[in-house]
PDB file of all heavy atoms in Angstrom:
ATOM      1  N   ILE A   1      76.790 107.036  81.386  1.00  0.00           N
ATOM      2  CA  ILE A   1      77.548 107.724  82.433  1.00  0.00           C
ATOM      3  C   ILE A   1      77.830 106.787  83.579  1.00  0.00           C
ATOM      4  O   ILE A   1      76.948 106.061  84.058  1.00  0.00           O
ATOM      5  CB  ILE A   1      76.760 108.943  82.980  1.00  0.00           C
ATOM      6  CG1 ILE A   1      76.492 109.934  81.839  1.00  0.00           C
ATOM      7  CG2 ILE A   1      77.546 109.623  84.105  1.00  0.00           C
ATOM      8  CD1 ILE A   1      75.610 111.109  82.271  1.00  0.00           C
ATOM      9  N   THR A   2      79.068 106.756  84.040  1.00  0.00           N
ATOM     10  CA  THR A   2      79.492 105.975  85.199  1.00  0.00           C
ATOM     11  C   THR A   2      79.937 106.930  86.312  1.00  0.00           C
ATOM     12  O   THR A   2      80.656 107.907  86.032  1.00  0.00           O
ATOM     13  CB  THR A   2      80.682 105.048  84.823  1.00  0.00           C
ATOM     14  OG1 THR A   2      80.223 104.110  83.883  1.00  0.00           O
ATOM     15  CG2 THR A   2      81.184 104.307  86.068  1.00  0.00           C
ATOM     16  N   LEU A   3      79.519 106.646  87.538  1.00  0.00           N
ATOM     17  CA  LEU A   3      79.950 107.425  88.680  1.00  0.00           C
ATOM     18  C   LEU A   3      81.001 106.670  89.471  1.00  0.00           C
ATOM     19  O   LEU A   3      80.926 105.447  89.596  1.00  0.00           O
ATOM     20  CB  LEU A   3      78.786 107.712  89.639  1.00  0.00           C
ATOM     21  CG  LEU A   3      77.532 108.389  89.067  1.00  0.00           C
ATOM     22  CD1 LEU A   3      76.537 108.632  90.208  1.00  0.00           C
ATOM     23  CD2 LEU A   3      77.870 109.688  88.377  1.00  0.00           C
ATOM     24  N   GLU A   4      81.985 107.390  90.030  1.00  0.00           N
ATOM     25  CA  GLU A   4      82.860 106.837  91.053  1.00  0.00           C
ATOM     26  C   GLU A   4      82.576 107.603  92.332  1.00  0.00           C
ATOM     27  O   GLU A   4      82.828 108.797  92.417  1.00  0.00           O
ATOM     28  CB  GLU A   4      84.349 106.969  90.677  1.00  0.00           C
ATOM     29  CG  GLU A   4      85.221 106.295  91.723  1.00  0.00           C
ATOM     30  CD  GLU A   4      86.708 106.616  91.598  1.00  0.00           C
ATOM     31  OE1 GLU A   4      87.083 107.418  90.725  1.00  0.00           O
ATOM     32  OE2 GLU A   4      87.468 106.045  92.409  1.00  0.00           O
ATOM     33  N   LEU A   5      82.042 106.917  93.318  1.00  0.00           N
ATOM     34  CA  LEU A   5      81.644 107.563  94.561  1.00  0.00           C
ATOM     35  C   LEU A   5      82.779 107.476  95.566  1.00  0.00           C
ATOM     36  O   LEU A   5      83.382 106.432  95.773  1.00  0.00           O
ATOM     37  CB  LEU A   5      80.387 106.887  95.135  1.00  0.00           C
ATOM     38  CG  LEU A   5      79.186 106.817  94.183  1.00  0.00           C
ATOM     39  CD1 LEU A   5      77.982 106.223  94.911  1.00  0.00           C
ATOM     40  CD2 LEU A   5      78.859 108.189  93.637  1.00  0.00           C
ATOM     41  N   GLY A   6      83.044 108.595  96.242  1.00  0.00           N
ATOM     42  CA  GLY A   6      84.189 108.674  97.129  1.00  0.00           C
ATOM     43  C   GLY A   6      85.471 108.526  96.340  1.00  0.00           C
ATOM     44  O   GLY A   6      86.331 107.726  96.682  1.00  0.00           O
ATOM     45  N   CYS A   7      85.597 109.320  95.271  1.00  0.00           N
ATOM     46  CA  CYS A   7      86.663 109.089  94.288  1.00  0.00           C
ATOM     47  C   CYS A   7      88.041 109.500  94.779  1.00  0.00           C
ATOM     48  O   CYS A   7      89.031 109.169  94.126  1.00  0.00           O
ATOM     49  CB  CYS A   7      86.341 109.812  92.993  1.00  0.00           C
ATOM     50  SG  CYS A   7      86.391 111.624  93.109  1.00  0.00           S
ATOM     51  N   GLY A   8      88.133 110.212  95.899  1.00  0.00           N
ATOM     52  CA  GLY A   8      89.450 110.591  96.418  1.00  0.00           C
ATOM     53  C   GLY A   8      90.216 111.434  95.439  1.00  0.00           C
ATOM     54  O   GLY A   8      89.741 112.486  94.986  1.00  0.00           O
ATOM     55  N   LYS A   9      91.401 110.991  95.069  1.00  0.00           N
ATOM     56  CA  LYS A   9      92.243 111.734  94.139  1.00  0.00           C
ATOM     57  C   LYS A   9      91.724 111.666  92.703  1.00  0.00           C
ATOM     58  O   LYS A   9      92.246 112.356  91.829  1.00  0.00           O
ATOM     59  CB  LYS A   9      93.677 111.201  94.189  1.00  0.00           C
ATOM     60  CG  LYS A   9      94.375 111.361  95.538  1.00  0.00           C
ATOM     61  CD  LYS A   9      95.713 110.645  95.531  1.00  0.00           C
ATOM     62  CE  LYS A   9      96.404 110.717  96.874  1.00  0.00           C
ATOM     63  NZ  LYS A   9      96.964 112.017  97.179  1.00  0.00           N
ATOM     64  N   GLY A  10      90.746 110.810  92.461  1.00  0.00           N
ATOM     65  CA  GLY A  10      90.138 110.746  91.161  1.00  0.00           C
ATOM     66  C   GLY A  10      90.893 109.956  90.125  1.00  0.00           C
ATOM     67  O   GLY A  10      90.558 109.960  88.920  1.00  0.00           O
ATOM     68  N   GLU A  11      91.952 109.238  90.545  1.00  0.00           N
ATOM     69  CA  GLU A  11      92.800 108.567  89.555  1.00  0.00           C
ATOM     70  C   GLU A  11      92.065 107.412  88.850  1.00  0.00           C
ATOM     71  O   GLU A  11      92.328 107.099  87.702  1.00  0.00           O
ATOM     72  CB  GLU A  11      94.092 108.067  90.162  1.00  0.00           C
ATOM     73  CG  GLU A  11      93.972 106.899  91.123  1.00  0.00           C
ATOM     74  CD  GLU A  11      93.905 107.314  92.584  1.00  0.00           C
ATOM     75  OE1 GLU A  11      93.168 108.287  92.860  1.00  0.00           O
ATOM     76  OE2 GLU A  11      94.550 106.679  93.429  1.00  0.00           O
ATOM     77  N   TYR A  12      91.094 106.780  89.555  1.00  0.00           N
ATOM     78  CA  TYR A  12      90.351 105.680  88.937  1.00  0.00           C
ATOM     79  C   TYR A  12      89.434 106.220  87.849  1.00  0.00           C
ATOM     80  O   TYR A  12      89.357 105.662  86.750  1.00  0.00           O
ATOM     81  CB  TYR A  12      89.550 104.941  89.989  1.00  0.00           C
ATOM     82  CG  TYR A  12      89.386 103.468  89.657  1.00  0.00           C
ATOM     83  CD1 TYR A  12      90.320 102.511  90.080  1.00  0.00           C
ATOM     84  CD2 TYR A  12      88.291 102.998  88.942  1.00  0.00           C
ATOM     85  CE1 TYR A  12      90.175 101.170  89.751  1.00  0.00           C
ATOM     86  CE2 TYR A  12      88.150 101.684  88.620  1.00  0.00           C
ATOM     87  CZ  TYR A  12      89.079 100.762  89.045  1.00  0.00           C
ATOM     88  OH  TYR A  12      88.954  99.434  88.708  1.00  0.00           O
ATOM     89  N   SER A  13      88.753 107.347  88.137  1.00  0.00           N
ATOM     90  CA  SER A  13      87.869 107.949  87.133  1.00  0.00           C
ATOM     91  C   SER A  13      88.660 108.408  85.916  1.00  0.00           C
ATOM     92  O   SER A  13      88.230 108.213  84.772  1.00  0.00           O
ATOM     93  CB  SER A  13      87.138 109.142  87.746  1.00  0.00           C
ATOM     94  OG  SER A  13      86.206 108.750  88.728  1.00  0.00           O
ATOM     95  N   VAL A  14      89.829 108.983  86.138  1.00  0.00           N
ATOM     96  CA  VAL A  14      90.655 109.438  85.029  1.00  0.00           C
ATOM     97  C   VAL A  14      91.128 108.259  84.187  1.00  0.00           C
ATOM     98  O   VAL A  14      91.063 108.322  82.939  1.00  0.00           O
ATOM     99  CB  VAL A  14      91.888 110.220  85.559  1.00  0.00           C
ATOM    100  CG1 VAL A  14      92.862 110.548  84.406  1.00  0.00           C
ATOM    101  CG2 VAL A  14      91.437 111.508  86.238  1.00  0.00           C
ATOM    102  N   ALA A  15      91.547 107.201  84.837  1.00  0.00           N
ATOM    103  CA  ALA A  15      92.018 106.014  84.089  1.00  0.00           C
ATOM    104  C   ALA A  15      90.878 105.378  83.274  1.00  0.00           C
ATOM    105  O   ALA A  15      91.079 104.962  82.124  1.00  0.00           O
ATOM    106  CB  ALA A  15      92.590 104.983  85.061  1.00  0.00           C
ATOM    107  N   LEU A  16      89.679 105.351  83.847  1.00  0.00           N
ATOM    108  CA  LEU A  16      88.526 104.818  83.102  1.00  0.00           C
ATOM    109  C   LEU A  16      88.193 105.692  81.919  1.00  0.00           C
ATOM    110  O   LEU A  16      87.842 105.194  80.835  1.00  0.00           O
ATOM    111  CB  LEU A  16      87.319 104.714  84.058  1.00  0.00           C
ATOM    112  CG  LEU A  16      87.336 103.583  85.086  1.00  0.00           C
ATOM    113  CD1 LEU A  16      86.188 103.738  86.081  1.00  0.00           C
ATOM    114  CD2 LEU A  16      87.243 102.222  84.415  1.00  0.00           C
ATOM    115  N   ALA A  17      88.247 107.019  82.124  1.00  0.00           N
ATOM    116  CA  ALA A  17      87.935 107.949  81.036  1.00  0.00           C
ATOM    117  C   ALA A  17      88.929 107.799  79.887  1.00  0.00           C
ATOM    118  O   ALA A  17      88.538 107.878  78.695  1.00  0.00           O
ATOM    119  CB  ALA A  17      87.953 109.382  81.571  1.00  0.00           C
ATOM    120  N   GLU A  18      90.195 107.564  80.199  1.00  0.00           N
ATOM    121  CA  GLU A  18      91.200 107.340  79.161  1.00  0.00           C
ATOM    122  C   GLU A  18      90.962 105.999  78.457  1.00  0.00           C
ATOM    123  O   GLU A  18      91.088 105.919  77.222  1.00  0.00           O
ATOM    124  CB  GLU A  18      92.603 107.331  79.777  1.00  0.00           C
ATOM    125  CG  GLU A  18      93.110 108.688  80.170  1.00  0.00           C
ATOM    126  CD  GLU A  18      94.563 108.634  80.610  1.00  0.00           C
ATOM    127  OE1 GLU A  18      94.819 108.166  81.742  1.00  0.00           O
ATOM    128  OE2 GLU A  18      95.403 109.054  79.826  1.00  0.00           O
ATOM    129  N   LYS A  19      90.619 105.008  79.193  1.00  0.00           N
ATOM    130  CA  LYS A  19      90.458 103.655  78.653  1.00  0.00           C
ATOM    131  C   LYS A  19      89.179 103.524  77.806  1.00  0.00           C
ATOM    132  O   LYS A  19      89.138 102.776  76.822  1.00  0.00           O
ATOM    133  CB  LYS A  19      90.423 102.653  79.784  1.00  0.00           C
ATOM    134  CG  LYS A  19      90.539 101.197  79.363  1.00  0.00           C
ATOM    135  CD  LYS A  19      90.636 100.293  80.574  1.00  0.00           C
ATOM    136  CE  LYS A  19      90.811  98.826  80.199  1.00  0.00           C
ATOM    137  NZ  LYS A  19      92.055  98.562  79.471  1.00  0.00           N
ATOM    138  N   TYR A  20      88.134 104.263  78.178  1.00  0.00           N
ATOM    139  CA  TYR A  20      86.850 104.149  77.501  1.00  0.00           C
ATOM    140  C   TYR A  20      86.348 105.511  77.020  1.00  0.00           C
ATOM    141  O   TYR A  20      85.501 106.146  77.660  1.00  0.00           O
ATOM    142  CB  TYR A  20      85.803 103.504  78.431  1.00  0.00           C
ATOM    143  CG  TYR A  20      86.219 102.141  78.925  1.00  0.00           C
ATOM    144  CD1 TYR A  20      86.699 101.971  80.214  1.00  0.00           C
ATOM    145  CD2 TYR A  20      86.139 101.028  78.106  1.00  0.00           C
ATOM    146  CE1 TYR A  20      87.080 100.706  80.696  1.00  0.00           C
ATOM    147  CE2 TYR A  20      86.533  99.779  78.543  1.00  0.00           C
ATOM    148  CZ  TYR A  20      86.993  99.617  79.847  1.00  0.00           C
ATOM    149  OH  TYR A  20      87.372  98.389  80.294  1.00  0.00           O
ATOM    150  N   PRO A  21      86.866 105.994  75.911  1.00  0.00           N
ATOM    151  CA  PRO A  21      86.494 107.330  75.413  1.00  0.00           C
ATOM    152  C   PRO A  21      85.023 107.442  74.970  1.00  0.00           C
ATOM    153  O   PRO A  21      84.514 108.544  74.854  1.00  0.00           O
ATOM    154  CB  PRO A  21      87.445 107.520  74.214  1.00  0.00           C
ATOM    155  CG  PRO A  21      87.826 106.148  73.795  1.00  0.00           C
ATOM    156  CD  PRO A  21      87.883 105.346  75.056  1.00  0.00           C
ATOM    157  N   ASN A  22      84.372 106.312  74.772  1.00  0.00           N
ATOM    158  CA  ASN A  22      82.961 106.346  74.359  1.00  0.00           C
ATOM    159  C   ASN A  22      81.997 106.200  75.550  1.00  0.00           C
ATOM    160  O   ASN A  22      80.834 105.899  75.376  1.00  0.00           O
ATOM    161  CB  ASN A  22      82.696 105.223  73.341  1.00  0.00           C
ATOM    162  CG  ASN A  22      83.407 105.487  72.024  1.00  0.00           C
ATOM    163  OD1 ASN A  22      83.521 106.627  71.595  1.00  0.00           O
ATOM    164  ND2 ASN A  22      83.890 104.450  71.396  1.00  0.00           N
ATOM    165  N   ARG A  23      82.530 106.380  76.760  1.00  0.00           N
ATOM    166  CA  ARG A  23      81.719 106.426  77.972  1.00  0.00           C
ATOM    167  C   ARG A  23      82.028 107.728  78.703  1.00  0.00           C
ATOM    168  O   ARG A  23      83.066 108.318  78.508  1.00  0.00           O
ATOM    169  CB  ARG A  23      81.983 105.238  78.886  1.00  0.00           C
ATOM    170  CG  ARG A  23      81.749 103.878  78.277  1.00  0.00           C
ATOM    171  CD  ARG A  23      81.988 102.800  79.332  1.00  0.00           C
ATOM    172  NE  ARG A  23      82.106 101.475  78.751  1.00  0.00           N
ATOM    173  CZ  ARG A  23      82.483 100.389  79.431  1.00  0.00           C
ATOM    174  NH1 ARG A  23      82.764 100.512  80.738  1.00  0.00           N
ATOM    175  NH2 ARG A  23      82.568  99.221  78.844  1.00  0.00           N
ATOM    176  N   ASN A  24      81.130 108.161  79.550  1.00  0.00           N
ATOM    177  CA  ASN A  24      81.319 109.350  80.341  1.00  0.00           C
ATOM    178  C   ASN A  24      81.493 108.973  81.823  1.00  0.00           C
ATOM    179  O   ASN A  24      80.875 108.031  82.284  1.00  0.00           O
ATOM    180  CB  ASN A  24      80.128 110.331  80.188  1.00  0.00           C
ATOM    181  CG  ASN A  24      79.946 110.788  78.763  1.00  0.00           C
ATOM    182  OD1 ASN A  24      80.914 110.995  78.061  1.00  0.00           O
ATOM    183  ND2 ASN A  24      78.698 110.902  78.336  1.00  0.00           N
ATOM    184  N   PHE A  25      82.292 109.771  82.540  1.00  0.00           N
ATOM    185  CA  PHE A  25      82.586 109.453  83.922  1.00  0.00           C
ATOM    186  C   PHE A  25      82.521 110.681  84.798  1.00  0.00           C
ATOM    187  O   PHE A  25      82.921 111.776  84.391  1.00  0.00           O
ATOM    188  CB  PHE A  25      83.989 108.826  84.046  1.00  0.00           C
ATOM    189  CG  PHE A  25      84.126 107.544  83.254  1.00  0.00           C
ATOM    190  CD1 PHE A  25      84.510 107.560  81.937  1.00  0.00           C
ATOM    191  CD2 PHE A  25      83.812 106.321  83.850  1.00  0.00           C
ATOM    192  CE1 PHE A  25      84.619 106.380  81.190  1.00  0.00           C
ATOM    193  CE2 PHE A  25      83.889 105.143  83.130  1.00  0.00           C
ATOM    194  CZ  PHE A  25      84.303 105.179  81.813  1.00  0.00           C
ATOM    195  N   ILE A  26      82.009 110.489  86.017  1.00  0.00           N
ATOM    196  CA  ILE A  26      81.935 111.573  87.002  1.00  0.00           C
ATOM    197  C   ILE A  26      82.483 111.092  88.335  1.00  0.00           C
ATOM    198  O   ILE A  26      81.955 110.128  88.897  1.00  0.00           O
ATOM    199  CB  ILE A  26      80.462 112.061  87.190  1.00  0.00           C
ATOM    200  CG1 ILE A  26      79.865 112.509  85.867  1.00  0.00           C
ATOM    201  CG2 ILE A  26      80.435 113.219  88.204  1.00  0.00           C
ATOM    202  CD1 ILE A  26      78.374 112.868  85.955  1.00  0.00           C
ATOM    203  N   GLY A  27      83.534 111.744  88.796  1.00  0.00           N
ATOM    204  CA  GLY A  27      84.061 111.432  90.106  1.00  0.00           C
ATOM    205  C   GLY A  27      83.422 112.297  91.165  1.00  0.00           C
ATOM    206  O   GLY A  27      83.261 113.509  90.961  1.00  0.00           O
ATOM    207  N   ILE A  28      83.002 111.685  92.260  1.00  0.00           N
ATOM    208  CA  ILE A  28      82.273 112.407  93.288  1.00  0.00           C
ATOM    209  C   ILE A  28      82.955 112.246  94.642  1.00  0.00           C
ATOM    210  O   ILE A  28      83.264 111.128  95.058  1.00  0.00           O
ATOM    211  CB  ILE A  28      80.812 111.899  93.369  1.00  0.00           C
ATOM    212  CG1 ILE A  28      80.108 112.113  92.052  1.00  0.00           C
ATOM    213  CG2 ILE A  28      80.049 112.625  94.517  1.00  0.00           C
ATOM    214  CD1 ILE A  28      78.682 111.557  92.002  1.00  0.00           C
ATOM    215  N   ASP A  29      83.141 113.353  95.328  1.00  0.00           N
ATOM    216  CA  ASP A  29      83.720 113.353  96.662  1.00  0.00           C
ATOM    217  C   ASP A  29      83.337 114.684  97.320  1.00  0.00           C
ATOM    218  O   ASP A  29      82.932 115.632  96.636  1.00  0.00           O
ATOM    219  CB  ASP A  29      85.242 113.190  96.633  1.00  0.00           C
ATOM    220  CG  ASP A  29      85.799 112.502  97.896  1.00  0.00           C
ATOM    221  OD1 ASP A  29      85.557 113.055  98.971  1.00  0.00           O
ATOM    222  OD2 ASP A  29      86.434 111.446  97.782  1.00  0.00           O
ATOM    223  N   ILE A  30      83.505 114.766  98.617  1.00  0.00           N
ATOM    224  CA  ILE A  30      83.187 116.001  99.332  1.00  0.00           C
ATOM    225  C   ILE A  30      84.431 116.862  99.498  1.00  0.00           C
ATOM    226  O   ILE A  30      84.342 118.072  99.790  1.00  0.00           O
ATOM    227  CB  ILE A  30      82.533 115.711 100.719  1.00  0.00           C
ATOM    228  CG1 ILE A  30      81.956 116.983 101.324  1.00  0.00           C
ATOM    229  CG2 ILE A  30      83.543 115.053 101.648  1.00  0.00           C
ATOM    230  CD1 ILE A  30      80.901 117.675 100.485  1.00  0.00           C
ATOM    231  N   LYS A  31      85.624 116.264  99.307  1.00  0.00           N
ATOM    232  CA  LYS A  31      86.873 116.978  99.537  1.00  0.00           C
ATOM    233  C   LYS A  31      87.506 117.448  98.228  1.00  0.00           C
ATOM    234  O   LYS A  31      88.090 116.653  97.494  1.00  0.00           O
ATOM    235  CB  LYS A  31      87.848 116.112 100.342  1.00  0.00           C
ATOM    236  CG  LYS A  31      87.315 115.758 101.729  1.00  0.00           C
ATOM    237  CD  LYS A  31      88.333 114.968 102.534  1.00  0.00           C
ATOM    238  CE  LYS A  31      87.795 114.668 103.939  1.00  0.00           C
ATOM    239  NZ  LYS A  31      88.754 113.873 104.754  1.00  0.00           N
ATOM    240  N   GLY A  32      87.347 118.732  97.974  1.00  0.00           N
ATOM    241  CA  GLY A  32      87.846 119.289  96.722  1.00  0.00           C
ATOM    242  C   GLY A  32      89.341 119.263  96.580  1.00  0.00           C
ATOM    243  O   GLY A  32      89.885 118.989  95.494  1.00  0.00           O
ATOM    244  N   ALA A  33      90.062 119.537  97.683  1.00  0.00           N
ATOM    245  CA  ALA A  33      91.542 119.544  97.631  1.00  0.00           C
ATOM    246  C   ALA A  33      92.084 118.174  97.262  1.00  0.00           C
ATOM    247  O   ALA A  33      93.133 118.049  96.669  1.00  0.00           O
ATOM    248  CB  ALA A  33      92.100 119.997  98.990  1.00  0.00           C
ATOM    249  N   ARG A  34      91.320 117.143  97.644  1.00  0.00           N
ATOM    250  CA  ARG A  34      91.738 115.765  97.313  1.00  0.00           C
ATOM    251  C   ARG A  34      91.483 115.483  95.840  1.00  0.00           C
ATOM    252  O   ARG A  34      92.332 114.878  95.161  1.00  0.00           O
ATOM    253  CB  ARG A  34      90.960 114.785  98.188  1.00  0.00           C
ATOM    254  CG  ARG A  34      91.327 113.346  97.948  1.00  0.00           C
ATOM    255  CD  ARG A  34      90.402 112.411  98.708  1.00  0.00           C
ATOM    256  NE  ARG A  34      90.572 112.533 100.146  1.00  0.00           N
ATOM    257  CZ  ARG A  34      89.770 111.952 101.034  1.00  0.00           C
ATOM    258  NH1 ARG A  34      88.762 111.199 100.629  1.00  0.00           N
ATOM    259  NH2 ARG A  34      89.978 112.111 102.319  1.00  0.00           N
ATOM    260  N   MET A  35      90.348 115.914  95.294  1.00  0.00           N
ATOM    261  CA  MET A  35      89.998 115.660  93.895  1.00  0.00           C
ATOM    262  C   MET A  35      90.824 116.493  92.944  1.00  0.00           C
ATOM    263  O   MET A  35      90.806 116.247  91.731  1.00  0.00           O
ATOM    264  CB  MET A  35      88.515 115.893  93.661  1.00  0.00           C
ATOM    265  CG  MET A  35      87.608 114.813  94.215  1.00  0.00           C
ATOM    266  SD  MET A  35      85.909 114.981  93.604  1.00  0.00           S
ATOM    267  CE  MET A  35      85.366 116.426  94.484  1.00  0.00           C
TER     268      MET A  35
END
């Protein structure tokens, strides 16, 4: 599992998840409307 802290819009986590299907990813932020 990989975390992205302060992920904002979450585009980095999404891109990593697409690129590496054999890994898991969790985007973390306090602002839900942004994520």
